[in-house]
Amino acid sequence: MRRRIVAALLVAATIVPALGQGGRLGPANRQLEDGRFGDAERTFRDLLEDYPALIEAHEGLVAALVGQGRRGEALSWLLEAGQSLVRSGQLTPGTRFLERAVGLDPDLASAQAALGHAYLQSQRYREAETHLQRAIELGETSPLARLFLGAAYWELGAYDKAETAYGELLALAGPSAAAARRSLGALHVFRGEYDAAIPLLAAALGENAGSTQVRYDLARAFEGAVRIAEAIELYEAAIADAPDFLQAHYRLARLYRTVDQSDRSAHHFERFSALHAAHQERTRAEGLLTARLNQGWALLRQDEAEAARALFEGLPPGPDTLSGLGQAQYRCGDLDAAVRTIERLLATDPERLDVRLLLDEWRLETANR
């Protein structure tokens, strides 16, 4: 059961409210309030059998376990689910679970480290620094804690501290040292310390010859050290790996101009200009689409279902559009159209647990009319 729940959480961090959930959550919450923790545990587990991705039910189950003095079990549940959610990109609920875990046991190094990583992923760098430092103070042995702490220091502008954190990992063998070399080399490039960066990045490229980013970073270091031929060779190799590498085209265009190869310089400037224009157009289109989607959801929150439906119908049929359109159709009373729309949405991602559950509810409602 537990493995299935964590897998479901990877698929969907939140679930669209389905018919009957509120009624089933209510009794479980009242059992918690009355101190009937065993009954609440059973009710929440039953609810999770039907709705494995329902965050509120997981939180209620944790509260029921804690109420019975089973803090270790609750803590393990929160850590496993929270880290799984963060790894899958579901940062908000994942961070919430990990915050609860730290609240249960502030002296657990692995919980502090996991929460620090979640904050780092959410670009909450000061909080990431605090929790990663605390994890190390508590004896966290995972090299990733120091690697993530170095990244937090870098983002906060504490470059000397970042260098120290990365340097502490260089003595280790294996993937951690390789990652530290990549990060420390990139930091030296960022700070204009090109001669210090080159041996680190050259070693990192030897360890990971297929890394386009390491190849590009090493090219930057060679360029900064005025080793132009070597920089050009590596930029060309990066573009061979990734033909649309915008920055590599731009830097090659500049370097070829300095060595009087005007034809090659012009070619890369043309590629850079075309890629840059395409990127700007994509960004503009994505921004307009996001604004229109937000407008549609705002209309739904204001119970303007007809207006929301008309808006969503005029947008490209991506997953977010189909989700909004289905909700608008449902609220307009057009249940058959809503079911067809959600079926289209499910076809784009058959593993979406939240969509499957919603579709089951609406199909059942259609059958019972």
Protein backbone atom coordinates (compact mmCIF):
# COMPACT_ATOMS: atom_id res chain seq x y z
CA MET A 1 0.00 0.00 0.00
CA ARG A 2 2.73 2.44 0.97
CA ARG A 3 4.69 1.96 -2.26
CA ARG A 4 1.52 2.51 -4.26
CA ILE A 5 0.76 5.73 -2.39
CA VAL A 6 4.24 7.16 -2.93
CA ALA A 7 4.08 6.21 -6.62
CA ALA A 8 0.72 7.94 -6.89
CA LEU A 9 2.12 11.06 -5.26
CA LEU A 10 4.74 11.17 -7.99
CA VAL A 11 1.96 11.26 -10.56
CA ALA A 12 -0.20 13.93 -8.94
CA ALA A 13 0.59 16.19 -6.03
CA THR A 14 -2.92 17.52 -5.75
CA ILE A 15 -6.25 16.20 -6.90
CA VAL A 16 -9.19 18.04 -8.36
CA PRO A 17 -11.97 17.88 -5.75
CA ALA A 18 -14.12 14.91 -6.66
CA LEU A 19 -17.62 14.17 -5.58
CA GLY A 20 -17.87 12.71 -2.09
CA GLN A 21 -14.32 13.50 -0.91
CA GLY A 22 -15.41 16.30 1.38
CA GLY A 23 -17.97 14.05 3.01
CA ARG A 24 -15.41 11.35 3.66
CA LEU A 25 -12.72 13.71 4.90
CA GLY A 26 -15.11 15.32 7.36
CA PRO A 27 -15.67 12.26 9.58
CA ALA A 28 -11.94 11.48 9.62
CA ASN A 29 -11.11 15.03 10.69
CA ARG A 30 -13.75 14.88 13.42
CA GLN A 31 -12.24 11.64 14.67
CA LEU A 32 -8.90 13.45 14.91
CA GLU A 33 -10.48 16.33 16.80
CA ASP A 34 -12.14 13.88 19.22
CA GLY A 35 -8.84 12.09 19.87
CA ARG A 36 -10.02 8.87 18.22
CA PHE A 37 -6.72 8.43 16.45
CA GLY A 38 -7.06 4.73 15.67
CA ASP A 39 -10.44 5.27 14.03
CA ALA A 40 -9.04 8.28 12.15
CA GLU A 41 -6.10 6.21 10.89
CA ARG A 42 -8.44 3.55 9.53
CA THR A 43 -10.69 6.15 7.89
CA PHE A 44 -7.79 7.96 6.25
CA ARG A 45 -6.29 4.67 5.03
CA ASP A 46 -9.65 3.69 3.53
CA LEU A 47 -9.86 7.07 1.81
CA LEU A 48 -6.32 6.65 0.45
CA GLU A 49 -7.31 3.31 -1.06
CA ASP A 50 -9.64 5.23 -3.37
CA TYR A 51 -7.66 8.50 -3.63
CA PRO A 52 -3.95 7.69 -3.21
CA ALA A 53 -2.85 11.20 -4.25
CA LEU A 54 -5.07 13.15 -1.86
CA ILE A 55 -2.63 15.30 0.09
CA GLU A 56 -5.12 16.12 2.87
CA ALA A 57 -5.61 12.43 3.58
CA HIS A 58 -1.87 11.85 3.86
CA GLU A 59 -1.57 14.74 6.30
CA GLY A 60 -4.50 13.41 8.31
CA LEU A 61 -2.94 9.96 8.44
CA VAL A 62 0.31 11.44 9.72
CA ALA A 63 -1.60 13.31 12.44
CA ALA A 64 -3.36 10.08 13.41
CA LEU A 65 -0.05 8.22 13.65
CA VAL A 66 1.47 10.97 15.77
CA GLY A 67 -1.60 10.94 18.01
CA GLN A 68 -0.96 7.26 18.70
CA GLY A 69 2.66 7.91 19.59
CA ARG A 70 3.96 6.43 16.32
CA ARG A 71 6.15 9.42 15.48
CA GLY A 72 8.85 7.34 13.81
CA GLU A 73 6.37 5.83 11.38
CA ALA A 74 4.86 9.24 10.65
CA LEU A 75 8.30 10.76 10.13
CA SER A 76 9.36 8.02 7.73
CA TRP A 77 6.14 8.46 5.77
CA LEU A 78 6.64 12.22 5.45
CA LEU A 79 10.29 11.93 4.41
CA GLU A 80 9.72 9.31 1.74
CA ALA A 81 6.71 11.02 0.22
CA GLY A 82 8.23 14.52 0.47
CA GLN A 83 11.48 13.57 -1.22
CA SER A 84 9.62 11.68 -3.95
CA LEU A 85 7.50 14.73 -4.67
CA VAL A 86 10.53 17.05 -4.80
CA ARG A 87 12.35 14.68 -7.18
CA SER A 88 9.34 14.70 -9.47
CA GLY A 89 9.18 18.51 -9.50
CA GLN A 90 6.17 18.80 -7.17
CA LEU A 91 7.95 21.32 -4.97
CA THR A 92 5.09 22.90 -3.03
CA PRO A 93 3.53 19.76 -1.50
CA GLY A 94 6.92 18.06 -1.24
CA THR A 95 8.34 20.97 0.75
CA ARG A 96 5.25 20.99 2.96
CA PHE A 97 5.76 17.33 3.83
CA LEU A 98 9.45 17.88 4.58
CA GLU A 99 8.68 20.91 6.76
CA ARG A 100 6.34 18.68 8.75
CA ALA A 101 9.11 16.09 9.05
CA VAL A 102 11.55 18.66 10.43
CA GLY A 103 8.84 19.86 12.79
CA LEU A 104 8.49 16.31 14.14
CA ASP A 105 12.23 15.87 14.66
CA PRO A 106 14.39 19.00 14.22
CA ASP A 107 17.51 17.02 15.14
CA LEU A 108 17.21 14.47 12.33
CA ALA A 109 20.03 15.30 9.91
CA SER A 110 18.46 13.59 6.90
CA ALA A 111 15.23 15.58 7.33
CA GLN A 112 17.15 18.88 7.55
CA ALA A 113 19.16 17.95 4.45
CA ALA A 114 16.06 16.97 2.48
CA LEU A 115 14.30 20.21 3.40
CA GLY A 116 17.40 22.23 2.49
CA HIS A 117 17.45 20.58 -0.93
CA ALA A 118 13.75 21.33 -1.43
CA TYR A 119 14.34 25.00 -0.59
CA LEU A 120 17.28 25.07 -3.02
CA GLN A 121 15.06 23.69 -5.78
CA SER A 122 12.51 26.40 -4.97
CA GLN A 123 15.20 29.13 -5.15
CA ARG A 124 14.76 29.89 -1.46
CA TYR A 125 18.50 30.05 -1.01
CA ARG A 126 18.78 31.59 2.45
CA GLU A 127 16.49 28.91 3.91
CA ALA A 128 18.39 26.24 1.98
CA GLU A 129 21.65 27.46 3.51
CA THR A 130 20.19 27.37 7.02
CA HIS A 131 18.87 23.81 6.81
CA LEU A 132 21.83 22.35 4.92
CA GLN A 133 24.23 23.86 7.44
CA ARG A 134 22.14 22.42 10.25
CA ALA A 135 22.13 18.99 8.59
CA ILE A 136 25.93 18.99 8.42
CA GLU A 137 26.17 20.14 12.04
CA LEU A 138 23.94 17.19 12.98
CA GLY A 139 26.30 14.78 11.23
CA GLU A 140 24.75 14.37 7.78
CA THR A 141 27.22 12.21 5.85
CA SER A 142 25.77 12.45 2.35
CA PRO A 143 28.15 14.40 0.09
CA LEU A 144 25.10 15.88 -1.62
CA ALA A 145 24.43 18.05 1.42
CA ARG A 146 27.77 19.84 0.92
CA LEU A 147 27.27 20.01 -2.84
CA PHE A 148 23.85 21.61 -2.37
CA LEU A 149 25.23 23.92 0.32
CA GLY A 150 27.88 25.08 -2.14
CA ALA A 151 25.16 25.83 -4.69
CA ALA A 152 23.20 27.83 -2.09
CA TYR A 153 26.31 29.84 -1.18
CA TRP A 154 26.95 30.55 -4.87
CA GLU A 155 23.41 31.81 -5.42
CA LEU A 156 23.73 34.02 -2.31
CA GLY A 157 26.98 35.53 -3.58
CA ALA A 158 29.08 33.89 -0.86
CA TYR A 159 31.64 32.66 -3.39
CA ASP A 160 34.47 31.93 -0.96
CA LYS A 161 32.14 29.76 1.14
CA ALA A 162 30.95 27.99 -2.02
CA GLU A 163 34.55 27.30 -3.01
CA THR A 164 35.24 25.86 0.45
CA ALA A 165 32.16 23.63 0.32
CA TYR A 166 33.11 22.28 -3.11
CA GLY A 167 36.76 21.93 -2.09
CA GLU A 168 35.82 19.69 0.83
CA LEU A 169 34.36 17.20 -1.64
CA LEU A 170 37.40 17.03 -3.93
CA ALA A 171 39.19 14.63 -1.59
CA LEU A 172 36.43 12.07 -2.10
CA ALA A 173 36.42 9.53 -4.90
CA GLY A 174 33.53 8.83 -7.21
CA PRO A 175 30.56 10.87 -8.38
CA SER A 176 30.65 13.40 -5.55
CA ALA A 177 34.18 14.53 -6.36
CA ALA A 178 33.33 14.67 -10.06
CA ALA A 179 30.31 16.85 -9.36
CA ALA A 180 32.44 19.08 -7.12
CA ARG A 181 35.02 19.50 -9.89
CA ARG A 182 32.32 20.53 -12.35
CA SER A 183 30.77 22.98 -9.90
CA LEU A 184 34.06 24.44 -8.68
CA GLY A 185 35.34 24.80 -12.23
CA ALA A 186 32.16 26.60 -13.28
CA LEU A 187 32.48 28.86 -10.23
CA HIS A 188 36.05 29.78 -11.20
CA VAL A 189 34.84 30.66 -14.72
CA PHE A 190 32.06 32.77 -13.23
CA ARG A 191 34.64 34.65 -11.13
CA GLY A 192 37.02 35.10 -14.05
CA GLU A 193 39.61 32.71 -12.58
CA TYR A 194 40.23 30.89 -15.83
CA ASP A 195 43.61 29.28 -15.13
CA ALA A 196 42.17 27.72 -11.95
CA ALA A 197 39.10 26.52 -13.84
CA ILE A 198 40.85 24.75 -16.72
CA PRO A 199 42.37 21.72 -14.90
CA LEU A 200 39.16 21.13 -12.95
CA LEU A 201 36.93 21.26 -16.01
CA ALA A 202 39.35 19.24 -18.13
CA ALA A 203 39.25 16.51 -15.49
CA ALA A 204 35.46 16.78 -15.31
CA LEU A 205 35.21 16.41 -19.08
CA GLY A 206 37.42 13.33 -18.92
CA GLU A 207 35.01 11.86 -16.36
CA ASN A 208 31.93 12.80 -18.38
CA ALA A 209 32.94 13.14 -22.02
CA GLY A 210 29.33 13.42 -23.15
CA SER A 211 28.52 16.54 -21.12
CA THR A 212 27.79 19.45 -23.44
CA GLN A 213 27.65 21.87 -20.50
CA VAL A 214 31.08 20.88 -19.18
CA ARG A 215 32.49 21.20 -22.70
CA TYR A 216 30.99 24.69 -22.96
CA ASP A 217 32.29 25.73 -19.53
CA LEU A 218 35.79 24.55 -20.45
CA ALA A 219 35.57 26.48 -23.73
CA ARG A 220 34.67 29.58 -21.70
CA ALA A 221 37.73 29.03 -19.54
CA PHE A 222 40.01 28.63 -22.59
CA GLU A 223 38.50 31.76 -24.13
CA GLY A 224 39.11 33.72 -20.92
CA ALA A 225 42.71 32.45 -20.81
CA VAL A 226 43.15 33.58 -24.46
CA ARG A 227 43.66 30.03 -25.69
CA ILE A 228 41.50 30.74 -28.70
CA ALA A 229 42.10 27.64 -30.83
CA GLU A 230 41.19 25.33 -27.95
CA ALA A 231 38.11 27.42 -27.14
CA ILE A 232 36.91 27.30 -30.75
CA GLU A 233 37.38 23.52 -30.90
CA LEU A 234 35.29 22.99 -27.78
CA TYR A 235 32.53 25.44 -28.78
CA GLU A 236 32.26 23.61 -32.13
CA ALA A 237 32.04 20.30 -30.28
CA ALA A 238 29.29 21.71 -28.03
CA ILE A 239 27.31 22.80 -31.10
CA ALA A 240 27.82 19.37 -32.68
CA ASP A 241 26.15 17.93 -29.58
CA ALA A 242 23.45 20.61 -29.39
CA PRO A 243 23.00 22.48 -32.72
CA ASP A 244 20.68 25.06 -31.14
CA PHE A 245 23.11 26.02 -28.36
CA LEU A 246 22.47 29.76 -28.49
CA GLN A 247 25.38 31.01 -26.38
CA ALA A 248 27.91 28.77 -28.14
CA HIS A 249 26.94 30.22 -31.54
CA TYR A 250 27.32 33.75 -30.17
CA ARG A 251 30.75 33.11 -28.69
CA LEU A 252 31.98 31.33 -31.81
CA ALA A 253 30.84 34.26 -33.93
CA ARG A 254 32.93 36.62 -31.80
CA LEU A 255 35.98 34.36 -31.73
CA TYR A 256 36.00 33.71 -35.48
CA ARG A 257 35.88 37.46 -36.03
CA THR A 258 38.99 37.91 -33.86
CA VAL A 259 40.93 35.39 -35.99
CA ASP A 260 39.76 36.93 -39.29
CA GLN A 261 37.48 34.10 -40.36
CA SER A 262 34.62 36.37 -41.42
CA ASP A 263 32.57 33.71 -43.25
CA ARG A 264 32.42 31.45 -40.21
CA SER A 265 31.75 34.43 -37.97
CA ALA A 266 28.85 35.51 -40.16
CA HIS A 267 27.43 31.97 -40.20
CA HIS A 268 27.33 31.75 -36.41
CA PHE A 269 25.94 35.28 -36.03
CA GLU A 270 23.12 34.31 -38.41
CA ARG A 271 22.41 31.14 -36.42
CA PHE A 272 22.51 33.09 -33.17
CA SER A 273 20.14 35.76 -34.50
CA ALA A 274 17.67 33.19 -35.82
CA LEU A 275 17.72 31.17 -32.60
CA HIS A 276 17.40 34.30 -30.47
CA ALA A 277 14.42 35.54 -32.48
CA ALA A 278 12.74 32.11 -32.24
CA HIS A 279 13.36 32.05 -28.49
CA GLN A 280 11.83 35.51 -28.06
CA GLU A 281 8.79 34.49 -30.08
CA ARG A 282 8.32 31.32 -28.03
CA THR A 283 8.67 33.32 -24.83
CA ARG A 284 6.15 35.88 -26.04
CA ALA A 285 3.67 33.20 -27.11
CA GLU A 286 4.08 31.26 -23.86
CA GLY A 287 3.59 34.45 -21.88
CA LEU A 288 0.40 35.28 -23.76
CA LEU A 289 -0.91 31.74 -23.34
CA THR A 290 -0.13 31.76 -19.61
CA ALA A 291 -1.93 35.08 -19.21
CA ARG A 292 -4.99 33.78 -21.05
CA LEU A 293 -5.02 30.56 -19.01
CA ASN A 294 -4.81 32.55 -15.80
CA GLN A 295 -7.67 34.72 -17.01
CA GLY A 296 -9.76 31.62 -17.67
CA TRP A 297 -9.15 30.18 -14.23
CA ALA A 298 -9.93 33.57 -12.67
CA LEU A 299 -13.28 33.55 -14.48
CA LEU A 300 -13.99 30.08 -13.09
CA ARG A 301 -13.23 31.28 -9.56
CA GLN A 302 -15.69 34.11 -10.14
CA ASP A 303 -18.37 31.60 -11.30
CA GLU A 304 -18.25 33.03 -14.83
CA ALA A 305 -18.31 29.57 -16.37
CA GLU A 306 -19.73 30.58 -19.78
CA ALA A 307 -17.07 33.25 -20.27
CA ALA A 308 -14.34 30.86 -19.12
CA ARG A 309 -15.58 28.20 -21.53
CA ALA A 310 -15.48 30.60 -24.46
CA LEU A 311 -11.96 31.67 -23.53
CA PHE A 312 -10.60 28.13 -23.16
CA GLU A 313 -12.22 27.05 -26.43
CA GLY A 314 -10.16 29.69 -28.23
CA LEU A 315 -6.79 28.51 -26.88
CA PRO A 316 -4.43 25.81 -28.24
CA PRO A 317 -5.57 22.42 -26.88
CA GLY A 318 -2.72 21.69 -24.48
CA PRO A 319 -3.15 19.93 -21.12
CA ASP A 320 -3.75 23.14 -19.16
CA THR A 321 -6.32 24.34 -21.70
CA LEU A 322 -8.16 21.00 -21.69
CA SER A 323 -8.23 20.93 -17.89
CA GLY A 324 -9.77 24.40 -17.72
CA LEU A 325 -12.19 23.71 -20.54
CA GLY A 326 -13.43 20.52 -18.90
CA GLN A 327 -14.06 22.34 -15.63
CA ALA A 328 -15.88 25.15 -17.45
CA GLN A 329 -18.07 22.70 -19.38
CA TYR A 330 -18.90 20.86 -16.17
CA ARG A 331 -19.91 24.06 -14.41
CA CYS A 332 -22.04 25.02 -17.41
CA GLY A 333 -23.93 21.76 -16.94
CA ASP A 334 -22.61 20.20 -20.15
CA LEU A 335 -21.42 17.00 -18.52
CA ASP A 336 -21.11 15.01 -21.75
CA ALA A 337 -18.79 17.63 -23.27
CA ALA A 338 -16.81 17.78 -20.03
CA VAL A 339 -16.27 14.01 -20.06
CA ARG A 340 -15.12 14.11 -23.71
CA THR A 341 -12.67 16.92 -22.93
CA ILE A 342 -11.19 15.13 -19.92
CA GLU A 343 -10.87 11.97 -22.03
CA ARG A 344 -8.75 14.03 -24.46
CA LEU A 345 -6.69 15.29 -21.54
CA LEU A 346 -6.13 11.77 -20.24
CA ALA A 347 -5.01 10.67 -23.73
CA THR A 348 -2.11 13.16 -23.51
CA ASP A 349 -0.87 11.59 -20.27
CA PRO A 350 -2.51 8.26 -19.38
CA GLU A 351 -0.63 8.09 -16.06
CA ARG A 352 -2.30 11.19 -14.62
CA LEU A 353 -4.00 9.75 -11.54
CA ASP A 354 -5.88 12.96 -10.73
CA VAL A 355 -7.39 13.05 -14.23
CA ARG A 356 -8.40 9.39 -14.14
CA LEU A 357 -10.15 9.84 -10.81
CA LEU A 358 -11.98 12.94 -12.00
CA LEU A 359 -13.03 11.18 -15.17
CA ASP A 360 -14.36 8.21 -13.19
CA GLU A 361 -16.44 10.54 -11.01
CA TRP A 362 -17.91 12.39 -13.97
CA ARG A 363 -18.67 9.18 -15.86
CA LEU A 364 -20.44 7.87 -12.78
CA GLU A 365 -22.45 11.07 -12.53
CA THR A 366 -23.38 10.77 -16.21
CA ALA A 367 -24.54 7.18 -15.72
CA ASN A 368 -26.67 8.15 -12.71
CA ARG A 369 -28.54 11.00 -14.40
